[in-house]
Amino acid sequence: MRSADERPLAEGGEGSGARPLTDAGADGFVDRHGLWDDRQRAAAGQIRRVIDELGLDMVRFSFADQHGVLRGKTLTRDAVPGALRSGVTAPSSLLLKDTSGRTVLPVFSGGDPRVSRHFAGAGDIVLVPDPTTFRVLPWAERTGWILCDVFHPDGTPAPFCPRGMLRGRLDALAGAGYDLTVGVELEFHVFRPAAGSLRVGVGRPGAPGPPPEVEPVSGGSQLLHEEGLDRLDGLVGLLHRGLTGLDLPLRSLELEFGPNQMELTLDARGAARAADDALLTRAAVRQICRRNGYHATFMSRPAGAQTASTGWHLHQSLRSRETGEAVFAPSAARAGEGEVLSAQGRHYLAGLLEHAAAATVFTTPTVNGYKRYLPLSLAPDRVVWGVDNKGAMVRVVGGPDTGGVRLENRSGEPAANPYLYVASQVISGMDGMARKLDPGPPALDPYDAKAPRLPGSLAQALDALDADPVFTRAFGQDVVAWLTGIKREEFARYLGHVSDWEQREYFDLF
């Protein structure tokens, strides 16, 4: 969070003469249930100063739903103090919806064992802000932004809160003596709205409206083409200013291989913060683009992306909490023998491979993402690992002479929920270390037909998750049943839709 002392006063902010924020809501929900630590309390006090000195009018209180989409409410300045102390209420049914906005569990009928008392009747959840995530939006006038965790009205954490789910897995990892560092590479597509197209697709839950009509911004086929990126310099500048102004650790902006395809990378951070970064980055890119006449999408394979789909390459490494040493790096002796990973690194890697099929529900949660798993495409389609091999599902990168070793999982799609993606890696890797699994030798041909395939569809991935008990042990049966139920409903809607392919293929022939 930026300090108000480092910023000039905004015009109209009134500085120290502004009406101070009151103590409304003191001894509220947060205090009663002990939901903040000392660092969060200190950050809350700083928020009050920033709002006062910058003259902010509104603050967005947002949380990540099961799909990694931000939901929440925008509060006025006068309402912020009470919200900081007592949270913000919202309908609990937000945690029971598929990607079309349809509530897939019967919250009003009663008697369904999948609907606990906390969700019956679509009663409230409480969004409890995390003051350490507060930011001032660079693109929205006099507006702040804060991420929230989800609780039930009795003060218990909502088990379906993705941010809380990741925190629980990182606590378990810390209990085993390790901290996880994550680096993010996100690919995405950017288009221009078609000339004269101002249409907003009106739909309903279960039947989204038509997508925007768009035109290309780049022709593709020229990877990292400097002149091609220069043609998009206005867009690049908008994204750079917006993301860095939001205090996100932007490292690079790149022109990728496919038409309209770009990539951004973020500096590696602790896993919890990196997941927050990814969530906010996606939302920021979409909002910045929309405000400036572009349409950005993190859908992996939109129509027209024949040459290259977009992925989310997630870099991960462990450090010992006791010594601070990198865990994946081999000893000098083992490196001299040609080993690229320590024994613990090999076990963790083996866990990623062992549970890869089930984990795709978390790494690739949309119907569309499975259309990215194609051979010879710089995307994986097999459960294999390799040493600096961009066709493998897991790529071992770096070495003792480069400052560390990390694992890059290349199976994820950019629409994945950041918290669930990272949590799935922790669960898989920890199981590999606990059972001392062995990954076998690295693949030289990552598209070898004899290697096990990644799931070919979301339905296959859900079946694999149902058959893999490690995620049920980690998350709990109720959580896994909740997520698989939502995703199966989503897949059923997909199967019930008559596509343009079917119409072209059969309508005139038969």
Protein backbone atom coordinates (compact mmCIF):
# COMPACT_ATOMS: atom_id res chain seq x y z
CA MET A 1 0.00 0.00 0.00
CA ARG A 2 1.31 3.43 -0.85
CA SER A 3 1.88 5.92 1.92
CA ALA A 4 0.04 9.21 1.73
CA ASP A 5 3.26 10.92 2.77
CA GLU A 6 4.80 9.91 -0.57
CA ARG A 7 2.08 11.48 -2.69
CA PRO A 8 1.11 15.06 -3.45
CA LEU A 9 -2.33 16.06 -2.24
CA ALA A 10 -4.99 15.50 -4.88
CA GLU A 11 -6.89 18.56 -6.03
CA GLY A 12 -9.88 18.88 -3.78
CA GLY A 13 -8.40 16.51 -1.22
CA GLU A 14 -8.29 19.33 1.36
CA GLY A 15 -5.35 17.73 3.17
CA SER A 16 -5.36 17.98 6.94
CA GLY A 17 -8.42 20.20 6.78
CA ALA A 18 -10.59 17.42 5.42
CA ARG A 19 -13.36 16.08 7.60
CA PRO A 20 -11.75 13.16 9.46
CA LEU A 21 -13.05 9.64 9.17
CA THR A 22 -15.12 8.71 12.18
CA ASP A 23 -14.78 5.65 14.39
CA ALA A 24 -18.13 4.30 13.18
CA GLY A 25 -18.23 0.56 13.56
CA ALA A 26 -15.64 0.34 16.36
CA ASP A 27 -15.92 -2.97 18.18
CA GLY A 28 -17.71 -4.31 15.14
CA PHE A 29 -17.62 -7.66 13.35
CA VAL A 30 -13.85 -7.63 12.79
CA ASP A 31 -13.06 -6.90 16.46
CA ARG A 32 -15.64 -9.29 17.86
CA HIS A 33 -14.23 -12.22 15.93
CA GLY A 34 -10.54 -11.23 16.02
CA LEU A 35 -10.13 -11.22 12.25
CA TRP A 36 -7.22 -8.77 11.87
CA ASP A 37 -3.62 -9.03 12.99
CA ASP A 38 -1.47 -6.07 14.05
CA ARG A 39 -0.22 -5.47 10.51
CA GLN A 40 -3.77 -5.22 9.19
CA ARG A 41 -4.78 -2.85 11.98
CA ALA A 42 -1.84 -0.59 11.17
CA ALA A 43 -2.72 -0.68 7.47
CA ALA A 44 -6.33 0.25 8.28
CA GLY A 45 -5.12 3.38 10.01
CA GLN A 46 -3.06 4.26 6.96
CA ILE A 47 -6.09 3.81 4.71
CA ARG A 48 -7.89 6.46 6.72
CA ARG A 49 -5.02 8.88 6.13
CA VAL A 50 -4.84 8.16 2.39
CA ILE A 51 -8.59 8.63 1.92
CA ASP A 52 -8.42 11.87 3.88
CA GLU A 53 -5.38 13.39 2.18
CA LEU A 54 -6.21 12.30 -1.38
CA GLY A 55 -9.86 13.17 -1.06
CA LEU A 56 -11.09 9.77 -2.24
CA ASP A 57 -14.84 9.59 -2.74
CA MET A 58 -15.36 5.84 -3.16
CA VAL A 59 -13.71 2.51 -2.32
CA ARG A 60 -14.38 -0.80 -4.05
CA PHE A 61 -14.68 -3.73 -1.62
CA SER A 62 -14.02 -6.82 -3.76
CA PHE A 63 -13.56 -10.56 -3.35
CA ALA A 64 -12.61 -13.37 -5.72
CA ASP A 65 -15.43 -15.80 -6.42
CA GLN A 66 -14.98 -19.46 -7.33
CA HIS A 67 -14.12 -18.51 -10.93
CA GLY A 68 -11.49 -15.94 -9.96
CA VAL A 69 -13.83 -13.10 -10.96
CA LEU A 70 -14.02 -10.03 -8.74
CA ARG A 71 -17.37 -9.35 -7.08
CA GLY A 72 -18.26 -6.73 -4.49
CA LYS A 73 -19.66 -3.31 -3.73
CA THR A 74 -18.46 0.27 -4.11
CA LEU A 75 -18.89 2.29 -0.92
CA THR A 76 -18.87 6.02 -0.41
CA ARG A 77 -16.26 7.71 1.75
CA ASP A 78 -18.63 8.05 4.69
CA ALA A 79 -19.43 4.33 4.63
CA VAL A 80 -15.80 3.15 4.58
CA PRO A 81 -15.05 3.33 8.35
CA GLY A 82 -17.99 1.10 9.21
CA ALA A 83 -17.05 -1.33 6.44
CA LEU A 84 -13.48 -1.53 7.72
CA ARG A 85 -14.76 -2.50 11.17
CA SER A 86 -17.77 -4.64 10.31
CA GLY A 87 -17.32 -5.75 6.72
CA VAL A 88 -19.79 -5.60 3.85
CA THR A 89 -22.67 -8.00 3.39
CA ALA A 90 -23.49 -9.72 0.09
CA PRO A 91 -25.73 -12.62 -1.00
CA SER A 92 -24.19 -16.00 -0.24
CA SER A 93 -25.50 -17.31 -3.57
CA LEU A 94 -22.57 -15.51 -5.24
CA LEU A 95 -20.49 -18.53 -4.18
CA LEU A 96 -22.91 -20.98 -5.81
CA LYS A 97 -23.01 -19.67 -9.38
CA ASP A 98 -21.55 -20.98 -12.62
CA THR A 99 -19.81 -18.73 -15.13
CA SER A 100 -23.16 -17.61 -16.63
CA GLY A 101 -24.31 -16.18 -13.28
CA ARG A 102 -26.80 -19.00 -12.69
CA THR A 103 -27.14 -20.30 -9.12
CA VAL A 104 -26.73 -24.05 -9.61
CA LEU A 105 -27.69 -25.26 -6.13
CA PRO A 106 -31.29 -25.12 -4.80
CA VAL A 107 -30.95 -22.51 -2.06
CA PHE A 108 -34.70 -21.98 -1.60
CA SER A 109 -36.16 -25.48 -1.82
CA GLY A 110 -34.48 -26.91 1.30
CA GLY A 111 -33.47 -30.49 1.96
CA ASP A 112 -30.51 -30.64 -0.45
CA PRO A 113 -27.47 -31.90 1.50
CA ARG A 114 -25.16 -29.78 -0.69
CA VAL A 115 -26.73 -26.57 0.68
CA SER A 116 -25.59 -25.95 4.23
CA ARG A 117 -27.49 -23.75 6.66
CA HIS A 118 -25.15 -20.88 5.81
CA PHE A 119 -26.41 -20.81 2.20
CA ALA A 120 -30.08 -21.70 2.65
CA GLY A 121 -32.33 -18.90 1.46
CA ALA A 122 -29.37 -17.09 -0.17
CA GLY A 123 -28.65 -15.38 3.15
CA ASP A 124 -25.72 -13.05 3.67
CA ILE A 125 -22.00 -13.56 3.66
CA VAL A 126 -19.69 -10.92 5.14
CA LEU A 127 -16.84 -9.48 3.08
CA VAL A 128 -14.06 -8.65 5.53
CA PRO A 129 -11.50 -6.26 3.99
CA ASP A 130 -7.79 -6.99 4.17
CA PRO A 131 -6.33 -3.50 4.72
CA THR A 132 -2.88 -4.58 3.49
CA THR A 133 -4.30 -4.89 -0.05
CA PHE A 134 -5.61 -1.31 -0.30
CA ARG A 135 -4.71 0.61 -3.46
CA VAL A 136 -5.73 3.81 -5.20
CA LEU A 137 -6.99 3.18 -8.73
CA PRO A 138 -4.95 5.09 -11.34
CA TRP A 139 -7.76 4.99 -13.93
CA ALA A 140 -10.87 5.71 -11.82
CA GLU A 141 -11.15 9.19 -10.35
CA ARG A 142 -10.82 9.43 -6.55
CA THR A 143 -11.46 5.70 -6.07
CA GLY A 144 -9.76 3.10 -3.88
CA TRP A 145 -9.70 -0.70 -4.12
CA ILE A 146 -9.43 -3.30 -1.36
CA LEU A 147 -9.60 -7.11 -1.41
CA CYS A 148 -11.77 -8.99 1.05
CA ASP A 149 -12.01 -12.44 2.61
CA VAL A 150 -15.39 -14.12 2.98
CA PHE A 151 -16.94 -15.03 6.33
CA HIS A 152 -20.32 -16.24 7.53
CA PRO A 153 -22.35 -13.97 9.85
CA ASP A 154 -21.37 -16.09 12.86
CA GLY A 155 -17.70 -15.18 12.28
CA THR A 156 -16.61 -18.52 10.82
CA PRO A 157 -14.55 -18.44 7.61
CA ALA A 158 -16.56 -19.38 4.53
CA PRO A 159 -15.03 -22.66 3.32
CA PHE A 160 -15.74 -21.67 -0.29
CA CYS A 161 -13.60 -18.50 -0.14
CA PRO A 162 -10.74 -19.15 -2.62
CA ARG A 163 -8.41 -16.68 -0.92
CA GLY A 164 -8.95 -18.45 2.40
CA MET A 165 -8.50 -21.84 0.74
CA LEU A 166 -5.04 -20.86 -0.49
CA ARG A 167 -4.11 -19.41 2.89
CA GLY A 168 -4.99 -22.74 4.52
CA ARG A 169 -2.73 -24.66 2.14
CA LEU A 170 0.15 -22.22 2.65
CA ASP A 171 -0.26 -22.57 6.42
CA ALA A 172 0.06 -26.34 6.01
CA LEU A 173 3.16 -25.84 3.88
CA ALA A 174 4.63 -23.52 6.51
CA GLY A 175 3.92 -26.16 9.14
CA ALA A 176 6.04 -28.55 7.10
CA GLY A 177 8.87 -25.99 7.14
CA TYR A 178 8.59 -24.33 3.73
CA ASP A 179 7.55 -21.09 2.05
CA LEU A 180 6.44 -20.94 -1.59
CA THR A 181 7.57 -18.28 -4.06
CA VAL A 182 5.51 -17.83 -7.23
CA GLY A 183 6.25 -16.06 -10.49
CA VAL A 184 3.45 -15.24 -12.95
CA GLU A 185 3.46 -15.22 -16.77
CA LEU A 186 0.02 -14.31 -18.12
CA GLU A 187 -0.86 -14.35 -21.81
CA PHE A 188 -3.96 -12.59 -23.12
CA HIS A 189 -5.61 -11.30 -26.27
CA VAL A 190 -6.47 -7.68 -27.05
CA PHE A 191 -8.90 -6.60 -29.79
CA ARG A 192 -10.56 -3.42 -30.96
CA PRO A 193 -14.36 -3.24 -30.98
CA ALA A 194 -15.64 -3.52 -34.53
CA ALA A 195 -16.33 -0.24 -36.27
CA GLY A 196 -19.68 1.13 -35.17
CA SER A 197 -20.22 -1.67 -32.66
CA LEU A 198 -21.41 -0.29 -29.35
CA ARG A 199 -23.62 -3.28 -28.57
CA VAL A 200 -23.81 -4.68 -25.06
CA GLY A 201 -24.77 -8.34 -25.17
CA VAL A 202 -27.90 -8.70 -23.01
CA GLY A 203 -28.42 -12.16 -21.58
CA ARG A 204 -29.70 -13.92 -18.49
CA PRO A 205 -28.29 -16.42 -15.98
CA GLY A 206 -27.71 -19.65 -17.88
CA ALA A 207 -27.74 -17.88 -21.25
CA PRO A 208 -25.11 -15.12 -21.61
CA GLY A 209 -25.66 -12.50 -24.28
CA PRO A 210 -23.75 -12.38 -27.56
CA PRO A 211 -20.04 -11.54 -27.34
CA PRO A 212 -18.66 -8.20 -28.50
CA GLU A 213 -17.88 -7.80 -32.20
CA VAL A 214 -14.15 -7.16 -32.48
CA GLU A 215 -11.36 -6.49 -34.96
CA PRO A 216 -7.64 -7.43 -34.75
CA VAL A 217 -4.92 -5.20 -33.37
CA SER A 218 -1.98 -7.34 -34.59
CA GLY A 219 -1.49 -9.92 -37.34
CA GLY A 220 0.46 -12.53 -35.45
CA SER A 221 3.15 -15.02 -36.60
CA GLN A 222 6.08 -12.80 -35.54
CA LEU A 223 7.14 -13.68 -32.01
CA LEU A 224 8.64 -10.82 -29.95
CA HIS A 225 8.62 -8.56 -33.03
CA GLU A 226 9.83 -5.17 -31.81
CA GLU A 227 8.22 -3.20 -34.59
CA GLY A 228 4.95 -5.04 -34.03
CA LEU A 229 5.02 -4.05 -30.37
CA ASP A 230 5.90 -0.50 -31.34
CA ARG A 231 2.68 -0.35 -33.37
CA LEU A 232 0.88 -1.02 -30.09
CA ASP A 233 2.91 1.53 -28.14
CA GLY A 234 -0.16 3.47 -27.05
CA LEU A 235 -1.70 0.32 -25.56
CA VAL A 236 1.58 -0.74 -23.99
CA GLY A 237 1.93 2.66 -22.34
CA LEU A 238 -1.62 2.52 -20.98
CA LEU A 239 -1.01 -0.89 -19.44
CA HIS A 240 2.37 0.09 -18.03
CA ARG A 241 1.07 3.22 -16.37
CA GLY A 242 -2.03 1.51 -15.03
CA LEU A 243 -0.34 -1.59 -13.63
CA THR A 244 2.66 0.15 -12.10
CA GLY A 245 0.38 2.88 -10.77
CA LEU A 246 -1.50 0.12 -8.99
CA ASP A 247 1.77 -0.97 -7.35
CA LEU A 248 1.80 -4.28 -9.19
CA PRO A 249 5.26 -5.78 -9.85
CA LEU A 250 5.14 -5.57 -13.65
CA ARG A 251 8.33 -6.97 -15.17
CA SER A 252 7.65 -7.09 -18.92
CA LEU A 253 5.07 -6.57 -21.68
CA GLU A 254 5.61 -8.68 -24.79
CA LEU A 255 4.11 -9.37 -28.20
CA GLU A 256 3.38 -13.08 -28.48
CA PHE A 257 3.12 -15.40 -31.47
CA GLY A 258 -0.60 -15.37 -32.17
CA PRO A 259 -2.78 -12.60 -33.63
CA ASN A 260 -3.77 -10.06 -30.97
CA GLN A 261 -1.76 -12.02 -28.41
CA MET A 262 0.32 -10.39 -25.67
CA GLU A 263 2.05 -11.53 -22.51
CA LEU A 264 2.94 -9.84 -19.26
CA THR A 265 5.20 -11.10 -16.51
CA LEU A 266 5.25 -10.17 -12.83
CA ASP A 267 8.19 -10.35 -10.44
CA ALA A 268 8.20 -13.41 -8.19
CA ARG A 269 6.66 -12.94 -4.74
CA GLY A 270 5.41 -14.95 -1.82
CA ALA A 271 2.59 -17.18 -3.04
CA ALA A 272 -0.31 -15.40 -1.30
CA ARG A 273 0.73 -12.00 -2.58
CA ALA A 274 1.46 -13.35 -6.06
CA ALA A 275 -2.09 -14.73 -6.26
CA ASP A 276 -3.49 -11.31 -5.28
CA ASP A 277 -1.25 -9.73 -7.93
CA ALA A 278 -2.55 -12.06 -10.65
CA LEU A 279 -6.17 -11.42 -9.71
CA LEU A 280 -5.77 -7.64 -9.72
CA THR A 281 -3.65 -7.67 -12.88
CA ARG A 282 -6.33 -9.42 -14.89
CA ALA A 283 -9.04 -7.05 -13.68
CA ALA A 284 -6.82 -4.03 -14.29
CA VAL A 285 -5.92 -5.05 -17.85
CA ARG A 286 -9.57 -5.56 -18.77
CA GLN A 287 -10.73 -2.30 -17.20
CA ILE A 288 -7.88 -0.21 -18.64
CA CYS A 289 -8.46 -1.64 -22.10
CA ARG A 290 -12.23 -1.13 -21.99
CA ARG A 291 -11.87 2.50 -20.91
CA ASN A 292 -9.53 3.15 -23.83
CA GLY A 293 -11.36 1.53 -26.70
CA TYR A 294 -9.96 -2.02 -26.56
CA HIS A 295 -11.36 -5.39 -25.52
CA ALA A 296 -8.98 -7.64 -23.54
CA THR A 297 -9.78 -11.25 -22.79
CA PHE A 298 -8.04 -13.95 -20.75
CA MET A 299 -10.09 -16.64 -22.48
CA SER A 300 -7.50 -19.13 -23.68
CA ARG A 301 -8.63 -19.77 -27.23
CA PRO A 302 -11.09 -17.17 -28.56
CA ALA A 303 -12.47 -17.49 -32.07
CA GLY A 304 -9.77 -16.56 -34.55
CA ALA A 305 -6.87 -17.73 -32.37
CA GLN A 306 -5.95 -20.57 -34.73
CA THR A 307 -2.18 -20.26 -34.44
CA ALA A 308 -1.67 -19.93 -30.68
CA SER A 309 -3.78 -20.14 -27.55
CA THR A 310 -2.89 -18.24 -24.40
CA GLY A 311 -1.59 -19.89 -21.25
CA TRP A 312 -0.62 -19.09 -17.69
CA HIS A 313 2.86 -20.34 -16.87
CA LEU A 314 3.20 -20.57 -13.10
CA HIS A 315 6.75 -20.60 -11.72
CA GLN A 316 7.22 -22.03 -8.24
CA SER A 317 10.06 -22.68 -5.82
CA LEU A 318 10.37 -23.50 -2.13
CA ARG A 319 12.59 -22.05 0.56
CA SER A 320 13.31 -23.48 3.97
CA ARG A 321 11.68 -21.44 6.73
CA GLU A 322 14.50 -22.40 9.07
CA THR A 323 17.52 -21.60 6.91
CA GLY A 324 16.12 -19.51 4.05
CA GLU A 325 17.89 -21.78 1.56
CA ALA A 326 16.41 -22.73 -1.80
CA VAL A 327 14.97 -26.23 -1.52
CA PHE A 328 14.89 -27.28 -5.19
CA ALA A 329 18.55 -26.58 -5.98
CA PRO A 330 20.78 -29.69 -6.00
CA SER A 331 23.90 -29.84 -3.90
CA ALA A 332 27.19 -29.11 -5.63
CA ALA A 333 27.97 -32.82 -5.64
CA ARG A 334 24.62 -33.78 -7.17
CA ALA A 335 24.87 -30.97 -9.71
CA GLY A 336 28.28 -32.32 -10.68
CA GLU A 337 26.62 -35.67 -11.36
CA GLY A 338 24.18 -34.01 -13.74
CA GLU A 339 21.22 -33.65 -11.37
CA VAL A 340 19.09 -30.55 -11.97
CA LEU A 341 16.99 -30.89 -8.79
CA SER A 342 17.49 -31.77 -5.16
CA ALA A 343 15.80 -34.88 -3.80
CA GLN A 344 13.01 -32.72 -2.35
CA GLY A 345 12.66 -30.93 -5.66
CA ARG A 346 12.24 -34.23 -7.45
CA HIS A 347 9.61 -35.36 -4.95
CA TYR A 348 7.67 -32.09 -5.32
CA LEU A 349 7.88 -32.35 -9.13
CA ALA A 350 6.67 -35.95 -8.98
CA GLY A 351 3.65 -34.78 -6.98
CA LEU A 352 2.77 -32.27 -9.71
CA LEU A 353 2.88 -35.09 -12.27
CA GLU A 354 1.07 -37.63 -10.08
CA HIS A 355 -1.92 -35.33 -9.58
CA ALA A 356 -1.79 -33.45 -12.89
CA ALA A 357 -5.03 -34.86 -14.29
CA ALA A 358 -7.09 -33.97 -11.21
CA ALA A 359 -5.36 -30.61 -10.79
CA THR A 360 -6.46 -29.48 -14.26
CA VAL A 361 -9.85 -28.64 -12.73
CA PHE A 362 -7.94 -25.88 -10.93
CA THR A 363 -5.31 -25.03 -13.57
CA THR A 364 -7.74 -25.19 -16.53
CA PRO A 365 -11.27 -24.63 -15.20
CA THR A 366 -13.09 -23.66 -18.41
CA VAL A 367 -14.45 -25.70 -21.31
CA ASN A 368 -12.40 -23.57 -23.68
CA GLY A 369 -9.05 -24.10 -21.95
CA TYR A 370 -8.82 -27.76 -23.02
CA LYS A 371 -8.74 -26.69 -26.66
CA ARG A 372 -5.27 -25.35 -25.92
CA TYR A 373 -3.77 -28.81 -25.24
CA LEU A 374 -2.37 -29.43 -28.73
CA PRO A 375 0.85 -31.17 -29.82
CA LEU A 376 3.78 -29.17 -31.16
CA SER A 377 2.17 -25.92 -30.04
CA LEU A 378 4.36 -24.66 -27.16
CA ALA A 379 1.51 -25.88 -24.97
CA PRO A 380 1.57 -29.27 -23.26
CA ASP A 381 -0.76 -32.14 -24.01
CA ARG A 382 1.09 -34.83 -22.00
CA VAL A 383 1.95 -35.32 -18.34
CA VAL A 384 5.74 -35.09 -18.65
CA TRP A 385 8.57 -32.94 -17.37
CA GLY A 386 11.64 -31.63 -19.10
CA VAL A 387 14.78 -29.61 -18.53
CA ASP A 388 14.24 -26.19 -20.14
CA ASN A 389 11.77 -27.79 -22.56
CA LYS A 390 8.83 -25.57 -23.48
CA GLY A 391 6.73 -28.47 -24.74
CA ALA A 392 6.70 -30.24 -21.37
CA MET A 393 3.94 -29.78 -18.83
CA VAL A 394 6.51 -28.97 -16.13
CA ARG A 395 9.75 -27.31 -17.14
CA VAL A 396 12.77 -27.18 -14.83
CA VAL A 397 14.37 -23.76 -15.16
CA GLY A 398 17.62 -22.36 -13.80
CA GLY A 399 20.44 -23.94 -11.85
CA PRO A 400 22.84 -23.36 -8.95
CA ASP A 401 24.90 -20.97 -11.09
CA THR A 402 21.87 -18.85 -12.01
CA GLY A 403 20.64 -18.07 -8.51
CA GLY A 404 18.14 -20.88 -8.05
CA VAL A 405 16.02 -23.61 -9.54
CA ARG A 406 12.30 -23.38 -10.13
CA LEU A 407 9.53 -25.43 -11.68
CA GLU A 408 7.34 -23.89 -14.36
CA ASN A 409 3.91 -25.50 -14.77
CA ARG A 410 2.79 -24.70 -18.31
CA SER A 411 -0.59 -26.43 -18.19
CA GLY A 412 -2.62 -23.55 -16.79
CA GLU A 413 -4.95 -21.24 -18.68
CA PRO A 414 -5.01 -17.50 -17.98
CA ALA A 415 -8.64 -17.63 -16.81
CA ALA A 416 -7.76 -19.91 -13.87
CA ASN A 417 -8.65 -18.77 -10.36
CA PRO A 418 -5.23 -17.68 -9.02
CA TYR A 419 -5.86 -18.94 -5.49
CA LEU A 420 -7.06 -22.37 -6.57
CA TYR A 421 -4.31 -22.75 -9.20
CA VAL A 422 -1.58 -22.07 -6.65
CA ALA A 423 -3.30 -24.15 -3.96
CA SER A 424 -3.46 -27.14 -6.31
CA GLN A 425 0.29 -26.95 -6.79
CA VAL A 426 0.92 -26.86 -3.04
CA ILE A 427 -1.34 -29.87 -2.44
CA SER A 428 0.24 -31.88 -5.26
CA GLY A 429 3.83 -31.00 -4.38
CA MET A 430 3.39 -31.63 -0.66
CA ASP A 431 1.96 -35.09 -1.37
CA GLY A 432 4.93 -35.85 -3.59
CA MET A 433 7.34 -34.86 -0.82
CA ALA A 434 5.41 -36.72 1.87
CA ARG A 435 5.37 -39.95 -0.18
CA LYS A 436 8.86 -39.40 -1.65
CA LEU A 437 7.56 -39.92 -5.18
CA ASP A 438 9.97 -40.09 -8.10
CA PRO A 439 9.25 -38.27 -11.39
CA GLY A 440 11.39 -40.53 -13.54
CA PRO A 441 13.72 -39.21 -16.23
CA PRO A 442 12.99 -35.98 -18.11
CA ALA A 443 11.24 -36.23 -21.46
CA LEU A 444 13.23 -35.54 -24.58
CA ASP A 445 10.09 -35.66 -26.74
CA PRO A 446 7.31 -34.01 -24.69
CA TYR A 447 4.72 -34.99 -27.31
CA ASP A 448 5.65 -38.67 -27.32
CA ALA A 449 2.48 -40.66 -27.98
CA LYS A 450 3.38 -43.15 -25.23
CA ALA A 451 3.29 -40.50 -22.50
CA PRO A 452 0.06 -40.11 -20.49
CA ARG A 453 -2.21 -37.40 -21.83
CA LEU A 454 -3.67 -34.47 -19.97
CA PRO A 455 -7.48 -34.60 -19.78
CA GLY A 456 -9.12 -33.84 -23.10
CA SER A 457 -12.10 -32.02 -21.62
CA LEU A 458 -13.37 -30.43 -18.44
CA ALA A 459 -15.57 -33.51 -17.91
CA GLN A 460 -12.53 -35.82 -17.98
CA ALA A 461 -10.73 -33.54 -15.53
CA LEU A 462 -13.70 -33.58 -13.13
CA ASP A 463 -13.74 -37.39 -13.26
CA ALA A 464 -10.02 -37.40 -12.44
CA LEU A 465 -10.61 -35.06 -9.49
CA ASP A 466 -13.38 -37.30 -8.15
CA ALA A 467 -10.96 -40.24 -8.33
CA ASP A 468 -8.01 -38.50 -6.62
CA PRO A 469 -8.41 -38.36 -2.82
CA VAL A 470 -5.52 -35.97 -2.15
CA PHE A 471 -7.60 -32.88 -2.92
CA THR A 472 -10.53 -34.11 -0.85
CA ARG A 473 -8.19 -34.66 2.12
CA ALA A 474 -6.75 -31.16 1.73
CA PHE A 475 -9.86 -29.11 0.95
CA GLY A 476 -12.54 -31.33 2.47
CA GLN A 477 -15.31 -33.32 0.80
CA ASP A 478 -17.81 -30.44 0.93
CA VAL A 479 -15.47 -28.07 -0.88
CA VAL A 480 -14.63 -30.53 -3.65
CA ALA A 481 -18.31 -31.45 -4.09
CA TRP A 482 -19.19 -27.72 -4.25
CA LEU A 483 -16.67 -26.98 -6.99
CA THR A 484 -17.26 -30.10 -9.06
CA GLY A 485 -21.03 -29.58 -8.85
CA ILE A 486 -20.72 -26.06 -10.24
CA LYS A 487 -18.35 -27.10 -13.00
CA ARG A 488 -20.45 -30.13 -14.03
CA GLU A 489 -23.47 -27.87 -14.43
CA GLU A 490 -21.37 -25.57 -16.59
CA PHE A 491 -20.21 -28.47 -18.76
CA ALA A 492 -23.78 -29.77 -19.09
CA ARG A 493 -24.88 -26.41 -20.48
CA TYR A 494 -22.02 -26.59 -22.99
CA LEU A 495 -23.07 -30.07 -24.15
CA GLY A 496 -26.67 -28.92 -24.54
CA HIS A 497 -25.77 -26.02 -26.84
CA VAL A 498 -26.08 -26.48 -30.61
CA SER A 499 -22.85 -25.00 -31.96
CA ASP A 500 -22.14 -23.32 -35.27
CA TRP A 501 -19.89 -26.32 -36.10
CA GLU A 502 -22.84 -28.72 -35.82
CA GLN A 503 -25.01 -26.45 -37.93
CA ARG A 504 -22.38 -26.19 -40.67
CA GLU A 505 -21.55 -29.89 -40.58
CA TYR A 506 -25.01 -31.48 -40.59
CA PHE A 507 -27.80 -29.05 -41.43
CA ASP A 508 -27.42 -29.22 -45.20
CA LEU A 509 -25.84 -32.69 -45.45
CA PHE A 510 -28.54 -34.77 -43.76
